[in-house]
């Protein structure tokens, strides 16, 4: 019979796999259509209502693509809609958020040193903040700022920075980065679901019923699509950052996230300008490099973690169960001898500057709170230590697994 910890880990893996696959599909189609839109050429023989055309070659064939700025004169028999890439990416990402940061909230979501919150309060803040973020952004877009896209983008940047700072006052560094990415991705998917797709349906219905479509719907959808284009790269960084303590485990992690949003703008500006055939602004790469080196510098400001306070803190009920389980003394010796040289508040293994994934294994509270990870990574698998650099013995791995099972039976 499969153990719950193993089944749960494979569920998380499968959900992450789905999330990555659908994200690739969504980002790929988004980048493709932005590049296509910016690269359209005018031609003398374009049909009425056509804005431009593009000839492309791929997969052994040629493609002739035309864009109608509002709509063609008659409704085509077949339309391909691009929506499920976005929807499935968000849904699978939401599932990942629930699996890791809600179910495992006591470990990954709440930082007790920052805010004294119950798990349910943290989950409520997590869920509500994503909704409120969309409502504020949508309000700004529907105000008169919709006619001032540069100012609107600036206000969106301020909103994102404020959310990053706010998340960091409550959540762990990992959860802050992840939630800021989810906050941004929610805006992007909501743009597709609530704005872009409904506007396109209005245009299609007008054509079907013989009315001339209003061009304002295409203009509104184009604005939201442009926002999505500039937000894509930062979202990817934020999702990947949870694996890199130098990004999330520093004093100024929220400021690092803010600079990443600026990097997303500079990188996309280069490609968007190039695709419109308006030149190649190489200065954007210089600016991007400067921003990146500032991020590296900011990552050197480490958040202080008090080892004495960690040793003195009261164990939770779950942690007490693992600490009192048969074999814990042996487990503690194994972990301190084989793992803590990297997984400590001040790592002393050469080349390790931050504990991998921000996981500490120095105190009883550290070890028992990460019991499941110890079981999966070093008990029943050989994932840790990497390449078995500390020469953990098979008997020791068996002790780790036996201890975890005895506490969870």
Protein backbone atom coordinates (compact mmCIF):
# COMPACT_ATOMS: atom_id res chain seq x y z
CA UNK A 1 0.00 0.00 0.00
CA UNK A 2 1.34 3.44 -0.95
CA UNK A 3 2.14 5.82 1.89
CA UNK A 4 0.35 9.14 2.02
CA UNK A 5 3.60 11.15 1.93
CA UNK A 6 4.65 9.41 -1.27
CA UNK A 7 1.24 9.79 -2.92
CA UNK A 8 1.08 13.46 -1.92
CA UNK A 9 4.55 14.15 -3.33
CA UNK A 10 3.66 12.50 -6.64
CA UNK A 11 0.42 14.51 -6.74
CA UNK A 12 2.46 17.69 -6.32
CA UNK A 13 4.88 16.53 -9.04
CA UNK A 14 2.07 15.71 -11.48
CA UNK A 15 0.39 19.06 -10.83
CA UNK A 16 3.69 20.91 -11.32
CA UNK A 17 4.27 18.98 -14.56
CA UNK A 18 0.84 20.01 -15.86
CA UNK A 19 1.47 23.59 -14.76
CA UNK A 20 4.79 23.81 -16.61
CA UNK A 21 3.39 22.23 -19.79
CA UNK A 22 0.39 24.55 -19.97
CA UNK A 23 2.53 27.56 -19.06
CA UNK A 24 4.84 26.77 -21.98
CA UNK A 25 1.82 26.59 -24.29
CA UNK A 26 0.37 29.87 -22.98
CA UNK A 27 3.62 31.81 -23.00
CA UNK A 28 4.56 30.43 -26.40
CA UNK A 29 1.29 31.45 -28.02
CA UNK A 30 1.40 34.85 -26.27
CA UNK A 31 4.91 35.63 -27.49
CA UNK A 32 4.09 34.35 -30.96
CA UNK A 33 1.01 36.52 -31.44
CA UNK A 34 2.68 39.64 -30.05
CA UNK A 35 5.60 39.12 -32.45
CA UNK A 36 3.18 38.40 -35.31
CA UNK A 37 1.08 41.47 -34.52
CA UNK A 38 4.10 43.77 -34.38
CA UNK A 39 5.59 42.34 -37.56
CA UNK A 40 2.56 42.66 -39.87
CA UNK A 41 3.28 44.27 -43.23
CA UNK A 42 1.06 46.43 -45.38
CA UNK A 43 0.28 45.18 -48.90
CA UNK A 44 -1.60 46.57 -51.88
CA UNK A 45 -3.90 43.57 -52.32
CA UNK A 46 -5.24 43.31 -48.76
CA UNK A 47 -9.00 42.67 -48.48
CA UNK A 48 -11.29 45.26 -46.95
CA UNK A 49 -10.78 45.61 -43.20
CA UNK A 50 -7.38 43.86 -43.21
CA UNK A 51 -4.68 45.64 -41.23
CA UNK A 52 -1.65 43.69 -42.45
CA UNK A 53 -0.26 40.34 -43.45
CA UNK A 54 2.71 38.09 -42.83
CA UNK A 55 4.27 35.19 -44.71
CA UNK A 56 5.95 32.58 -42.52
CA UNK A 57 7.69 29.28 -43.13
CA UNK A 58 7.73 26.42 -40.65
CA UNK A 59 7.58 22.63 -40.61
CA UNK A 60 8.17 22.27 -44.34
CA UNK A 61 5.36 24.59 -45.40
CA UNK A 62 4.40 28.23 -45.89
CA UNK A 63 1.76 30.14 -43.94
CA UNK A 64 -0.05 33.26 -45.17
CA UNK A 65 -1.54 35.14 -42.22
CA UNK A 66 -3.73 38.24 -42.32
CA UNK A 67 -5.04 40.31 -39.44
CA UNK A 68 -8.34 42.19 -39.51
CA UNK A 69 -8.13 45.10 -37.12
CA UNK A 70 -11.80 44.88 -36.11
CA UNK A 71 -13.29 41.93 -37.99
CA UNK A 72 -13.69 40.55 -41.53
CA UNK A 73 -16.80 41.42 -43.51
CA UNK A 74 -18.23 37.93 -43.09
CA UNK A 75 -17.89 35.40 -40.32
CA UNK A 76 -15.47 32.55 -41.19
CA UNK A 77 -16.72 28.98 -40.87
CA UNK A 78 -14.05 28.02 -38.36
CA UNK A 79 -12.32 29.94 -35.59
CA UNK A 80 -9.49 28.74 -33.36
CA UNK A 81 -9.74 30.26 -29.88
CA UNK A 82 -6.72 30.59 -27.64
CA UNK A 83 -7.94 30.44 -24.06
CA UNK A 84 -7.44 27.06 -22.42
CA UNK A 85 -3.67 27.51 -22.32
CA UNK A 86 -4.24 30.43 -19.96
CA UNK A 87 -7.07 28.87 -17.96
CA UNK A 88 -5.28 25.56 -17.37
CA UNK A 89 -2.06 27.30 -16.40
CA UNK A 90 -3.88 29.29 -13.73
CA UNK A 91 -5.96 26.36 -12.48
CA UNK A 92 -2.93 24.05 -12.17
CA UNK A 93 -0.98 26.87 -10.51
CA UNK A 94 -3.79 27.41 -8.02
CA UNK A 95 -3.73 23.69 -7.27
CA UNK A 96 0.03 23.90 -6.66
CA UNK A 97 -0.51 26.85 -4.32
CA UNK A 98 -3.06 24.86 -2.31
CA UNK A 99 -0.96 21.68 -2.17
CA UNK A 100 2.28 23.33 -1.06
CA UNK A 101 1.39 26.60 0.62
CA UNK A 102 -2.03 25.87 2.09
CA UNK A 103 -1.78 22.22 3.12
CA UNK A 104 1.87 22.77 4.10
CA UNK A 105 1.18 26.26 5.36
CA UNK A 106 2.71 25.87 8.81
CA UNK A 107 6.05 25.19 7.16
CA UNK A 108 5.98 27.13 3.90
CA UNK A 109 3.41 29.93 4.26
CA UNK A 110 3.43 31.58 7.67
CA UNK A 111 6.56 33.15 9.11
CA UNK A 112 5.97 33.32 12.86
CA UNK A 113 8.86 35.78 13.26
CA UNK A 114 6.96 38.28 11.09
CA UNK A 115 3.32 37.80 12.03
CA UNK A 116 1.52 35.79 14.69
CA UNK A 117 -1.17 34.30 12.48
CA UNK A 118 -3.14 31.08 12.57
CA UNK A 119 -2.86 28.93 9.46
CA UNK A 120 -6.45 29.65 8.43
CA UNK A 121 -5.72 33.38 8.60
CA UNK A 122 -2.72 33.00 6.34
CA UNK A 123 -4.75 30.97 3.85
CA UNK A 124 -7.52 33.57 3.90
CA UNK A 125 -5.03 36.37 3.20
CA UNK A 126 -3.52 34.25 0.43
CA UNK A 127 -6.86 33.70 -1.31
CA UNK A 128 -8.42 37.13 -0.78
CA UNK A 129 -5.33 39.08 -1.86
CA UNK A 130 -5.34 37.46 -5.29
CA UNK A 131 -8.95 38.53 -5.84
CA UNK A 132 -8.47 42.06 -4.52
CA UNK A 133 -5.43 42.54 -6.73
CA UNK A 134 -7.45 41.83 -9.84
CA UNK A 135 -10.27 44.15 -8.76
CA UNK A 136 -7.89 47.07 -8.15
CA UNK A 137 -6.08 46.51 -11.45
CA UNK A 138 -9.34 46.17 -13.40
CA UNK A 139 -10.66 49.38 -11.84
CA UNK A 140 -7.54 51.26 -12.93
CA UNK A 141 -7.81 49.92 -16.48
CA UNK A 142 -11.48 50.89 -16.77
CA UNK A 143 -10.87 54.39 -15.44
CA UNK A 144 -9.61 57.22 -17.59
CA UNK A 145 -6.13 55.75 -17.21
CA UNK A 146 -7.01 53.30 -19.98
CA UNK A 147 -6.27 56.16 -22.39
CA UNK A 148 -2.86 56.74 -20.74
CA UNK A 149 -1.11 53.36 -21.09
CA UNK A 150 2.31 54.53 -19.83
CA UNK A 151 0.88 55.99 -16.63
CA UNK A 152 -1.28 52.91 -16.20
CA UNK A 153 1.76 50.64 -16.48
CA UNK A 154 3.58 52.78 -13.91
CA UNK A 155 0.68 52.47 -11.45
CA UNK A 156 0.55 48.72 -12.06
CA UNK A 157 4.26 48.56 -11.17
CA UNK A 158 3.61 50.50 -7.95
CA UNK A 159 0.77 48.09 -7.11
CA UNK A 160 3.02 45.07 -7.64
CA UNK A 161 5.82 46.52 -5.51
CA UNK A 162 3.35 47.34 -2.72
CA UNK A 163 1.94 43.80 -2.82
CA UNK A 164 5.43 42.30 -2.69
CA UNK A 165 6.32 44.42 0.33
CA UNK A 166 3.01 43.58 2.01
CA UNK A 167 3.36 39.84 1.44
CA UNK A 168 6.85 40.00 2.92
CA UNK A 169 5.50 41.41 6.19
CA UNK A 170 3.46 38.23 6.73
CA UNK A 171 4.70 35.30 4.68
CA UNK A 172 7.99 33.46 4.37
CA UNK A 173 10.34 34.67 1.65
CA UNK A 174 9.43 31.73 -0.56
CA UNK A 175 5.72 32.34 -0.08
CA UNK A 176 6.15 36.06 -0.79
CA UNK A 177 7.79 35.39 -4.17
CA UNK A 178 5.28 32.68 -5.06
CA UNK A 179 2.27 34.78 -4.09
CA UNK A 180 3.51 37.81 -5.99
CA UNK A 181 3.85 35.55 -9.02
CA UNK A 182 0.36 34.15 -8.43
CA UNK A 183 -0.98 37.69 -7.94
CA UNK A 184 0.45 38.70 -11.32
CA UNK A 185 -0.65 35.49 -13.06
CA UNK A 186 -4.19 36.01 -11.72
CA UNK A 187 -4.28 39.43 -13.35
CA UNK A 188 -3.07 37.91 -16.62
CA UNK A 189 -5.57 35.05 -16.69
CA UNK A 190 -8.41 37.30 -15.55
CA UNK A 191 -7.55 39.59 -18.46
CA UNK A 192 -8.14 36.65 -20.79
CA UNK A 193 -11.26 35.36 -19.04
CA UNK A 194 -13.06 38.61 -18.20
CA UNK A 195 -11.88 41.00 -20.91
CA UNK A 196 -10.17 39.56 -23.97
CA UNK A 197 -12.43 36.56 -24.59
CA UNK A 198 -15.78 38.36 -23.89
CA UNK A 199 -14.75 41.21 -26.20
CA UNK A 200 -13.91 38.78 -28.95
CA UNK A 201 -17.27 37.03 -28.46
CA UNK A 202 -19.06 40.37 -28.83
CA UNK A 203 -17.31 40.97 -32.15
CA UNK A 204 -18.14 37.45 -33.37
CA UNK A 205 -21.80 37.85 -32.38
CA UNK A 206 -22.02 41.20 -34.20
CA UNK A 207 -20.71 39.55 -37.36
CA UNK A 208 -23.10 36.64 -37.05
CA UNK A 209 -26.06 39.01 -36.67
CA UNK A 210 -25.01 41.33 -39.47
CA UNK A 211 -23.87 44.29 -37.35
CA UNK A 212 -20.65 46.27 -37.79
CA UNK A 213 -18.42 45.46 -34.78
CA UNK A 214 -17.36 48.34 -32.55
CA UNK A 215 -13.54 48.77 -32.75
CA UNK A 216 -13.36 49.72 -29.06
CA UNK A 217 -13.56 46.07 -28.03
CA UNK A 218 -10.42 45.20 -29.97
CA UNK A 219 -8.62 48.23 -28.53
CA UNK A 220 -9.47 47.22 -24.96
CA UNK A 221 -8.38 43.63 -25.54
CA UNK A 222 -5.12 44.82 -27.12
CA UNK A 223 -4.27 46.88 -24.00
CA UNK A 224 -4.77 43.90 -21.68
CA UNK A 225 -2.83 41.62 -24.03
CA UNK A 226 0.08 44.07 -24.01
CA UNK A 227 0.10 44.07 -20.20
CA UNK A 228 0.23 40.28 -20.23
CA UNK A 229 3.17 40.41 -22.62
CA UNK A 230 5.25 42.57 -20.28
CA UNK A 231 4.31 40.60 -17.16
CA UNK A 232 5.20 37.14 -18.47
CA UNK A 233 8.95 37.11 -17.82
CA UNK A 234 8.70 38.37 -14.22
CA UNK A 235 6.07 35.72 -13.44
CA UNK A 236 8.43 32.97 -14.64
CA UNK A 237 11.25 34.39 -12.49
CA UNK A 238 9.03 34.54 -9.41
CA UNK A 239 7.93 30.93 -9.85
CA UNK A 240 11.52 29.73 -10.28
CA UNK A 241 12.81 31.89 -7.43
CA UNK A 242 11.30 29.59 -4.80
CA UNK A 243 14.15 27.17 -5.55
CA UNK A 244 16.89 29.79 -5.00
CA UNK A 245 17.45 31.13 -1.46
CA UNK A 246 19.62 33.97 -2.80
CA UNK A 247 16.43 35.36 -4.33
CA UNK A 248 13.86 34.73 -1.58
CA UNK A 249 15.94 34.30 1.58
CA UNK A 250 17.38 37.80 1.75
CA UNK A 251 16.46 40.99 3.54
CA UNK A 252 15.44 42.80 0.36
CA UNK A 253 13.66 39.97 -1.46
CA UNK A 254 10.64 42.21 -2.18
CA UNK A 255 12.93 44.79 -3.79
CA UNK A 256 14.58 42.07 -5.87
CA UNK A 257 11.12 41.13 -7.13
CA UNK A 258 10.43 44.78 -8.00
CA UNK A 259 13.61 45.03 -10.07
CA UNK A 260 12.71 41.81 -11.87
CA UNK A 261 9.52 43.48 -13.10
CA UNK A 262 11.67 46.28 -14.55
CA UNK A 263 13.90 43.67 -16.21
CA UNK A 264 10.80 42.15 -17.79
CA UNK A 265 9.98 45.55 -19.31
CA UNK A 266 13.47 46.15 -20.69
CA UNK A 267 13.77 42.68 -22.22
CA UNK A 268 10.32 42.75 -23.82
CA UNK A 269 10.91 46.32 -25.07
CA UNK A 270 13.92 45.09 -27.01
CA UNK A 271 12.06 42.26 -28.72
CA UNK A 272 8.88 44.24 -29.30
CA UNK A 273 10.85 47.07 -30.91
CA UNK A 274 12.78 44.62 -33.05
CA UNK A 275 9.60 42.85 -34.18
CA UNK A 276 8.07 46.17 -35.26
CA UNK A 277 11.22 46.79 -37.35
CA UNK A 278 11.94 50.02 -35.51
CA UNK A 279 15.53 49.12 -34.72
CA UNK A 280 17.41 47.09 -32.13
CA UNK A 281 17.69 49.06 -28.87
CA UNK A 282 20.73 47.30 -27.44
CA UNK A 283 20.77 49.81 -24.58
CA UNK A 284 17.99 47.75 -23.02
CA UNK A 285 20.42 44.86 -22.53
CA UNK A 286 22.89 47.16 -20.79
CA UNK A 287 20.13 48.38 -18.49
CA UNK A 288 18.97 44.80 -17.89
CA UNK A 289 22.51 43.77 -16.94
CA UNK A 290 22.78 46.71 -14.52
CA UNK A 291 19.47 45.74 -12.89
CA UNK A 292 20.64 42.14 -12.60
CA UNK A 293 23.90 43.11 -10.89
CA UNK A 294 21.94 45.30 -8.47
CA UNK A 295 19.82 42.23 -7.69
CA UNK A 296 22.97 40.18 -7.05
CA UNK A 297 24.21 42.91 -4.69
CA UNK A 298 20.89 43.05 -2.84
CA UNK A 299 21.02 39.28 -2.34
CA UNK A 300 24.10 39.70 -0.14
CA UNK A 301 22.01 41.38 2.58
CA UNK A 302 21.00 38.34 4.56
CA UNK A 303 18.00 38.21 6.86
CA UNK A 304 19.25 37.35 10.33
CA UNK A 305 18.06 33.99 11.69
CA UNK A 306 18.59 33.60 15.42
CA UNK A 307 19.77 30.07 16.18
CA UNK A 308 19.25 30.54 19.93
CA UNK A 309 15.65 31.62 19.36
CA UNK A 310 15.07 28.63 17.07
CA UNK A 311 16.41 26.27 19.73
CA UNK A 312 14.26 27.85 22.44
CA UNK A 313 10.96 27.96 20.59
CA UNK A 314 8.10 25.69 21.67
CA UNK A 315 7.45 22.73 19.40
CA UNK A 316 4.07 22.31 17.77
CA UNK A 317 1.97 19.24 18.50
CA UNK A 318 3.06 17.61 15.25
CA UNK A 319 6.72 18.36 15.92
CA UNK A 320 6.44 16.91 19.43
CA UNK A 321 5.04 13.71 17.94
CA UNK A 322 8.07 13.33 15.68
CA UNK A 323 10.49 14.31 18.46
CA UNK A 324 9.08 11.62 20.78
CA UNK A 325 8.92 8.90 18.10
CA UNK A 326 11.25 5.90 18.53
CA UNK A 327 14.66 6.48 17.00
CA UNK A 328 14.62 10.27 17.02
CA UNK A 329 17.95 10.54 18.85
CA UNK A 330 19.64 8.51 16.09
CA UNK A 331 17.87 10.57 13.42
CA UNK A 332 19.09 13.82 14.97
CA UNK A 333 22.67 12.56 14.98
CA UNK A 334 22.40 11.48 11.34
CA UNK A 335 20.92 14.77 10.19
CA UNK A 336 23.38 16.90 12.16
CA UNK A 337 26.28 14.85 10.85
CA UNK A 338 25.18 14.43 7.22
CA UNK A 339 22.95 17.40 6.42
CA UNK A 340 23.43 20.42 8.67
CA UNK A 341 26.73 21.56 7.15
CA UNK A 342 24.62 22.88 4.24
CA UNK A 343 21.21 23.19 5.89
CA UNK A 344 22.24 25.65 8.59
CA UNK A 345 21.75 29.32 9.23
CA UNK A 346 25.43 29.83 8.46
CA UNK A 347 26.44 27.01 6.06
CA UNK A 348 30.05 25.90 6.36
CA UNK A 349 30.20 23.56 3.36
CA UNK A 350 32.36 25.07 0.60
CA UNK A 351 30.34 26.81 -2.11
CA UNK A 352 27.07 26.91 -0.15
CA UNK A 353 26.13 30.48 0.80
CA UNK A 354 22.47 29.91 1.77
CA UNK A 355 20.76 26.79 3.04
CA UNK A 356 19.29 25.00 -0.02
CA UNK A 357 15.67 26.11 -0.48
CA UNK A 358 15.96 27.93 2.84
CA UNK A 359 15.61 24.65 4.76
CA UNK A 360 17.40 24.55 8.13
CA UNK A 361 18.21 21.28 9.90
CA UNK A 362 20.03 22.37 13.04
CA UNK A 363 17.51 22.12 15.88
CA UNK A 364 14.86 19.68 17.01
CA UNK A 365 12.22 22.05 15.68
CA UNK A 366 13.99 22.26 12.32
CA UNK A 367 14.28 18.51 11.90
CA UNK A 368 10.78 17.61 13.09
CA UNK A 369 9.11 20.35 11.05
CA UNK A 370 10.85 18.99 7.94
CA UNK A 371 10.27 15.33 8.83
CA UNK A 372 8.40 14.62 5.60
CA UNK A 373 11.17 16.16 3.49
CA UNK A 374 13.85 14.23 5.38
CA UNK A 375 11.88 11.02 4.77
CA UNK A 376 11.40 11.66 1.05
CA UNK A 377 14.78 13.20 0.24
CA UNK A 378 17.13 11.10 2.35
CA UNK A 379 15.08 8.20 3.71
CA UNK A 380 13.42 6.42 0.80
CA UNK A 381 15.33 8.18 -1.98
CA UNK A 382 18.96 9.14 -2.49
CA UNK A 383 18.24 12.73 -3.51
CA UNK A 384 20.06 14.06 -0.45
CA UNK A 385 22.87 14.56 0.17
CA UNK A 386 23.69 15.39 -3.49
CA UNK A 387 25.96 12.69 -4.91
CA UNK A 388 26.03 11.39 -1.32
CA UNK A 389 28.91 13.77 -0.59
CA UNK A 390 28.62 13.15 3.16
CA UNK A 391 28.62 9.36 2.70
CA UNK A 392 25.31 8.59 4.38
CA UNK A 393 25.02 4.83 4.85
CA UNK A 394 22.09 2.62 3.69
CA UNK A 395 21.44 1.72 7.34
CA UNK A 396 21.14 5.39 8.20
CA UNK A 397 18.62 5.96 5.41
CA UNK A 398 16.61 3.04 6.78
CA UNK A 399 16.67 4.64 10.23
CA UNK A 400 15.30 7.90 8.80
CA UNK A 401 12.49 6.07 7.02
CA UNK A 402 11.63 3.88 10.01
CA UNK A 403 11.49 6.91 12.32
CA UNK A 404 9.10 8.79 10.01
CA UNK A 405 6.84 5.78 9.58
CA UNK A 406 6.71 5.12 13.30
CA UNK A 407 5.53 8.70 13.90
CA UNK A 408 2.88 8.62 11.17
CA UNK A 409 1.41 5.15 11.76
